[in-house]
Protein backbone atom coordinates (compact mmCIF):
# COMPACT_ATOMS: atom_id res chain seq x y z
CA MET A 1 -15.72 11.39 11.46
CA ALA A 2 -12.72 9.13 10.92
CA LYS A 3 -9.43 10.10 10.06
CA ILE A 4 -7.40 8.44 7.84
CA VAL A 5 -3.68 9.21 6.94
CA PHE A 6 -2.36 7.46 3.39
CA LEU A 7 1.49 7.47 4.39
CA MET A 8 3.61 8.27 1.02
CA ALA A 9 6.93 9.00 -0.59
CA ASP A 10 7.02 11.94 -2.77
CA TYR A 11 7.29 9.67 -6.09
CA GLY A 12 6.10 5.87 -7.02
CA HIS A 13 2.68 4.75 -5.49
CA ASP A 14 0.66 2.91 -7.53
CA PRO A 15 -1.96 4.70 -8.79
CA THR A 16 -3.54 1.94 -11.36
CA GLY A 17 -1.96 -1.22 -10.98
CA GLY A 18 0.41 -2.93 -13.38
CA PRO A 19 1.56 -6.02 -15.53
CA ASN A 20 1.02 -8.96 -13.59
CA SER A 21 -2.57 -7.79 -12.67
CA HIS A 22 -3.12 -7.96 -16.39
CA ILE A 23 -1.86 -11.09 -16.43
CA ILE A 24 -3.05 -12.70 -13.85
CA MET A 25 -6.25 -11.16 -13.28
CA PRO A 26 -9.44 -10.34 -15.73
CA MET A 27 -11.89 -7.43 -13.75
CA ASN A 28 -14.88 -6.00 -15.28
CA ASP A 29 -15.47 -2.11 -15.59
CA LYS A 30 -16.58 -2.39 -11.81
CA GLU A 31 -13.39 -3.62 -10.19
CA LEU A 32 -11.33 -1.58 -12.75
CA ASN A 33 -12.72 1.12 -10.72
CA PHE A 34 -10.54 -0.03 -7.65
CA ARG A 35 -7.79 -0.96 -9.60
CA SER A 36 -5.90 1.06 -7.84
CA GLU A 37 -3.69 1.63 -4.33
CA THR A 38 -3.53 4.53 -3.87
CA CYS A 39 -7.47 6.42 -5.29
CA GLY A 40 -9.11 3.08 -5.51
CA PRO A 41 -8.88 3.00 -1.35
CA TYR A 42 -9.20 6.24 -1.81
CA THR A 43 -12.80 6.67 -3.12
CA ALA A 44 -13.60 4.46 -0.85
CA PHE A 45 -13.06 6.14 2.51
CA LYS A 46 -15.25 9.67 1.01
CA ALA A 47 -17.32 7.89 -0.03
CA ALA A 48 -17.76 6.26 3.50
CA GLY A 49 -17.61 9.63 4.86
CA PHE A 50 -13.80 9.12 6.32
CA ASP A 51 -11.63 12.54 7.06
CA VAL A 52 -8.86 11.88 4.57
CA LYS A 53 -5.53 13.07 4.80
CA PHE A 54 -2.00 12.47 2.53
CA ALA A 55 1.63 12.75 4.86
CA THR A 56 4.61 12.81 3.01
CA GLU A 57 8.50 13.51 3.97
CA VAL A 58 8.10 17.05 3.91
CA GLY A 59 4.51 18.15 2.84
CA LYS A 60 5.60 18.02 -0.52
CA SER A 61 2.64 17.04 -2.48
CA ALA A 62 2.95 13.06 -4.28
CA ARG A 63 3.67 12.04 -7.24
CA CYS A 64 2.01 8.42 -7.74
CA ASP A 65 4.21 6.52 -10.71
CA MET A 66 3.60 8.34 -14.22
CA LYS A 67 4.45 5.34 -16.53
CA MET A 68 1.14 3.97 -15.41
CA LEU A 69 -0.69 6.97 -16.29
CA GLU A 70 0.62 8.43 -19.35
CA GLY A 71 1.89 7.22 -22.34
CA LEU A 72 2.45 3.78 -23.66
CA THR A 73 3.57 2.31 -21.08
CA GLN A 74 0.00 3.67 -19.47
CA ARG A 75 -1.86 2.62 -22.20
CA LEU A 76 0.23 -1.57 -21.84
CA LEU A 77 0.00 -1.19 -18.63
CA GLY A 78 -1.26 1.61 -16.74
CA ALA A 79 -4.56 2.57 -15.96
CA SER A 80 -7.66 2.86 -18.24
CA SER A 81 -9.40 5.99 -19.29
CA SER A 82 -11.70 5.47 -15.84
CA ILE A 83 -9.25 5.19 -12.91
CA VAL A 84 -7.31 7.67 -14.86
CA LYS A 85 -10.21 10.63 -14.29
CA LYS A 86 -10.99 8.77 -10.80
CA TYR A 87 -7.17 9.59 -9.88
CA HIS A 88 -6.85 13.73 -11.12
CA VAL A 89 -9.93 13.93 -8.52
CA MET A 90 -7.76 12.32 -5.88
CA ALA A 91 -4.35 14.29 -7.00
CA ASP A 92 -7.27 17.53 -7.58
CA SER A 93 -7.95 17.46 -4.52
CA ASP A 94 -6.62 20.49 -1.04
CA GLU A 95 -5.52 16.90 0.69
CA TRP A 96 -3.24 15.95 -2.07
CA LYS A 97 -2.07 18.95 -2.52
CA ASN A 98 -2.12 20.05 1.07
CA PRO A 99 -0.60 17.16 2.37
CA LEU A 100 1.10 16.17 5.85
CA SER A 101 4.19 16.41 7.10
CA TRP A 102 5.56 13.01 8.25
CA SER A 103 9.17 14.23 8.92
CA ASP A 104 7.55 17.36 10.93
CA GLU A 105 8.47 16.85 15.14
CA GLN A 106 5.20 17.68 15.81
CA PHE A 107 3.69 14.87 13.40
CA THR A 108 2.47 12.24 14.71
CA LEU A 109 -0.06 9.16 14.19
CA ASP A 110 -2.51 8.93 16.68
CA ALA A 111 -4.81 12.21 15.94
CA PHE A 112 -5.09 9.09 13.37
CA ASP A 113 -8.42 5.64 13.57
CA LEU A 114 -6.65 4.17 10.20
CA VAL A 115 -2.79 4.61 9.18
CA PHE A 116 -3.20 3.42 5.56
CA LEU A 117 0.02 2.07 3.18
CA PRO A 118 -0.71 1.72 0.29
CA GLY A 119 2.37 -0.07 -3.04
CA GLY A 120 4.37 0.79 -5.44
CA HIS A 121 7.79 -0.75 -7.40
CA ASP A 122 9.16 2.42 -8.21
CA LYS A 123 12.56 2.66 -6.87
CA ALA A 124 11.50 6.12 -5.07
CA VAL A 125 8.89 4.42 -2.49
CA SER A 126 12.22 3.49 -1.00
CA GLN A 127 12.01 6.68 0.39
CA VAL A 128 9.25 4.97 2.65
CA ILE A 129 9.71 2.34 2.84
CA ASP A 130 13.96 3.00 4.42
CA SER A 131 12.25 6.40 6.14
CA GLU A 132 13.68 5.87 9.75
CA ARG A 133 11.58 8.48 10.76
CA VAL A 134 7.90 6.60 9.75
CA HIS A 135 10.22 3.68 11.26
CA LYS A 136 9.90 5.38 14.38
CA LEU A 137 5.75 6.38 13.79
CA LEU A 138 4.69 2.88 12.56
CA ALA A 139 6.81 1.53 15.98
CA ASP A 140 4.82 4.06 18.55
CA PHE A 141 1.67 2.90 16.13
CA PHE A 142 1.10 -0.09 15.05
CA PRO A 143 1.35 -1.42 19.56
CA LYS A 144 -1.82 0.28 19.10
CA THR A 145 -3.82 -1.49 17.25
CA LYS A 146 -4.21 -4.94 19.39
CA LYS A 147 -7.82 -5.52 20.50
CA PRO A 148 -9.57 -4.45 21.66
CA SER A 149 -8.44 -1.22 20.32
CA LYS A 150 -9.85 1.83 17.99
CA LYS A 151 -6.14 2.19 15.82
CA ALA A 152 -6.50 0.26 12.21
CA VAL A 153 -3.24 -0.16 10.19
CA GLY A 154 -3.87 -1.30 6.37
CA ALA A 155 -1.55 -2.44 4.20
CA VAL A 156 -1.07 -3.86 0.02
CA CYS A 157 2.09 -5.13 -1.79
CA HIS A 158 4.83 -3.02 -1.04
CA GLY A 159 3.27 -0.87 1.62
CA VAL A 160 3.88 -4.19 3.73
CA MET A 161 7.51 -3.77 3.90
CA VAL A 162 7.23 -0.16 5.15
CA LEU A 163 5.77 -2.82 8.87
CA SER A 164 8.27 -5.12 7.94
CA GLU A 165 10.91 -2.98 8.24
CA SER A 166 9.46 -1.02 11.09
CA LYS A 167 11.31 -2.13 14.33
CA HIS A 168 11.03 -2.47 17.92
CA PRO A 169 13.82 -1.55 20.58
CA ASP A 170 14.44 -5.43 21.08
CA GLY A 171 15.05 -5.26 16.86
CA THR A 172 12.02 -7.18 15.84
CA SER A 173 9.10 -6.14 13.10
CA VAL A 174 6.05 -4.30 14.49
CA ILE A 175 4.68 -7.61 12.75
CA ARG A 176 6.84 -10.53 14.09
CA ASP A 177 3.00 -11.43 15.64
CA CYS A 178 0.38 -10.72 12.91
CA ALA A 179 -0.61 -12.84 9.91
CA THR A 180 -0.08 -10.87 6.67
CA THR A 181 -0.15 -11.13 3.19
CA ALA A 182 2.11 -8.53 0.17
CA LEU A 183 3.02 -8.90 -3.16
CA PRO A 184 3.93 -12.38 -3.93
CA ALA A 185 7.23 -14.13 -5.52
CA ARG A 186 5.16 -15.38 -7.85
CA PHE A 187 3.42 -12.52 -8.91
CA GLU A 188 7.07 -10.24 -8.27
CA GLN A 189 9.19 -11.81 -10.89
CA LEU A 190 6.89 -12.32 -13.72
CA ALA A 191 6.31 -8.97 -13.26
CA PHE A 192 9.87 -8.08 -13.56
CA TRP A 193 10.85 -11.05 -16.23
CA GLY A 194 8.06 -9.99 -18.00
CA THR A 195 8.61 -6.96 -19.06
CA ARG A 196 11.86 -7.21 -18.71
CA LEU A 197 13.60 -6.78 -22.55
CA PHE A 198 11.87 -3.37 -22.66
CA LEU A 199 11.31 -1.84 -19.61
CA GLY A 200 14.87 -3.31 -17.49
CA ASP A 201 14.23 -3.85 -13.26
CA TYR A 202 11.27 -1.13 -13.42
CA TYR A 203 9.38 -3.92 -11.36
CA LYS A 204 12.61 -4.35 -8.77
CA THR A 205 12.63 -2.14 -6.95
CA TYR A 206 15.38 -2.64 -5.04
CA GLY A 207 17.34 -3.49 -8.52
CA ALA A 208 17.47 -6.65 -10.63
CA GLY A 209 18.41 -9.71 -8.54
CA SER A 210 17.15 -8.11 -5.06
CA GLU A 211 14.76 -10.03 -2.75
CA ASN A 212 12.03 -10.64 -3.03
CA VAL A 213 8.77 -8.79 -0.95
CA GLU A 214 7.64 -12.01 0.12
CA ASP A 215 10.93 -12.86 1.17
CA SER A 216 11.07 -9.91 2.75
CA VAL A 217 8.28 -9.79 5.08
CA ARG A 218 7.74 -13.17 5.76
CA LYS A 219 11.59 -13.56 7.15
CA VAL A 220 11.33 -10.94 10.24
CA LEU A 221 7.26 -13.20 10.94
CA ALA A 222 7.87 -15.21 14.13
CA SER A 223 7.44 -17.78 12.16
CA PRO A 224 6.78 -18.33 8.40
CA GLU A 225 3.40 -20.20 7.58
CA GLN A 226 2.15 -16.32 9.13
CA PHE A 227 2.80 -15.15 4.91
CA LYS A 228 -0.46 -16.02 4.19
CA SER A 229 -0.74 -15.95 0.03
CA SER A 230 -2.34 -17.20 -3.20
CA ILE A 231 -2.25 -17.19 -6.19
CA VAL A 232 -5.42 -17.42 -7.17
CA PRO A 233 -7.27 -14.10 -9.42
CA SER A 234 -9.98 -14.48 -6.77
CA PRO A 235 -9.17 -11.21 -4.55
CA PHE A 236 -7.82 -12.46 -1.01
CA VAL A 237 -7.37 -9.72 1.79
CA VAL A 238 -5.80 -11.56 5.33
CA GLU A 239 -7.24 -10.06 8.68
CA ASP A 240 -4.75 -10.95 11.84
CA GLU A 241 -6.42 -12.06 14.22
CA ASN A 242 -4.94 -10.13 17.24
CA PHE A 243 -4.36 -6.41 15.94
CA ASN A 244 -6.67 -4.16 13.22
CA TYR A 245 -4.22 -5.12 11.12
CA VAL A 246 -5.30 -5.55 7.31
CA THR A 247 -3.13 -6.63 4.19
CA ALA A 248 -3.57 -7.41 0.29
CA ARG A 249 -1.38 -8.57 -2.25
CA PHE A 250 -1.66 -6.37 -5.05
CA PRO A 251 -4.08 -4.04 -6.71
CA GLY A 252 -6.69 -7.16 -7.49
CA ASP A 253 -7.77 -7.04 -4.41
CA VAL A 254 -7.29 -3.37 -3.40
CA GLU A 255 -11.81 -3.62 -3.24
CA LEU A 256 -11.71 -5.92 -1.29
CA LEU A 257 -9.65 -4.28 0.87
CA SER A 258 -11.21 -1.37 0.68
CA GLN A 259 -14.41 -2.79 1.95
CA LYS A 260 -13.43 -4.49 4.72
CA LEU A 261 -11.30 -1.37 5.90
CA VAL A 262 -13.95 1.17 5.81
CA LYS A 263 -16.15 -1.86 7.71
CA LEU A 264 -13.49 -2.04 10.22
CA VAL A 265 -13.37 1.52 10.88
CA GLN A 266 -16.66 2.16 11.34
CA SER A 267 -16.67 -0.27 14.05
CA LEU A 268 -14.13 0.97 15.87
C-alpha cells in the first residue's frame, strides 16, 4: 500500500479555495468537490486506497483556515456546503486527529512514497514554509525523487514555497533544476486587491508589500523559464521531466493534480 504524508503547519492551510478561484474559474458541482488544497487530495488519495498520514511540528492536530469554513467569509469567499462536509470527514479521521511530528528526531520522510505540500495564505502557514527542520527533511528527500526512483513530491500554491526555501548545503534550492508552477502573481494580486478593503492583507502571507509567491519561487530556479504558468481558467498542472515532482497553481487545479499524483504513485 502506498504511503502518503502531508507536511503541514498547525493552522491556516487552505481547506477550500479562495476568492481568486471564485473569480477566475467558475466550476460545476463535481469540480467543486475537489476544489480544496487539503481535503481534495486527501479524498483522492483515500479513494485510491493509499495510507495517508499528516505531520505537524509537534504532532498537534492541524486546523485549516477557518475563514474559509465559517461565518461571513465562508459564505462570500470560501467553501460550498459539500466541501465543508468533506473537510469534516477528513477532520474526523484518525490520521487527522493523530498526526505525526515533523520535529521529532526520529521522524523521516523515507517511509513515504509521496510527500504532499498543501497551500494556504494565512500567515500561520509560515510555520512550515520557514521551518529549518522541514527544509532539512526535504533537502534529504527531494533528491530521492529523481527518475526512475519510487519516491515523489506534490505541491500546490504556497506549498511550493516550502520547497523553494529548502536548500542544499551549497545554498541552492532543491527545485533549482526543476520545472514548476505555484500561485501566479496575477492571481495573488487579484485576491489581495479584491479583498483588501474588508480583509486587509489577509491574502499576503508575509504582509502587504511582500514578495509574491511566483517571484519567491522563480528566483531560486536555474532559469526563470523553468517557472510555468497560465492565467487560462482550465486546470493547469506541471510535471517535471527529471524528477517525480508535480505542482499546481491554486485550488482550481487540484482535481487534476490529485489525478496526476494518484496515477504517478500507482506507477512507481
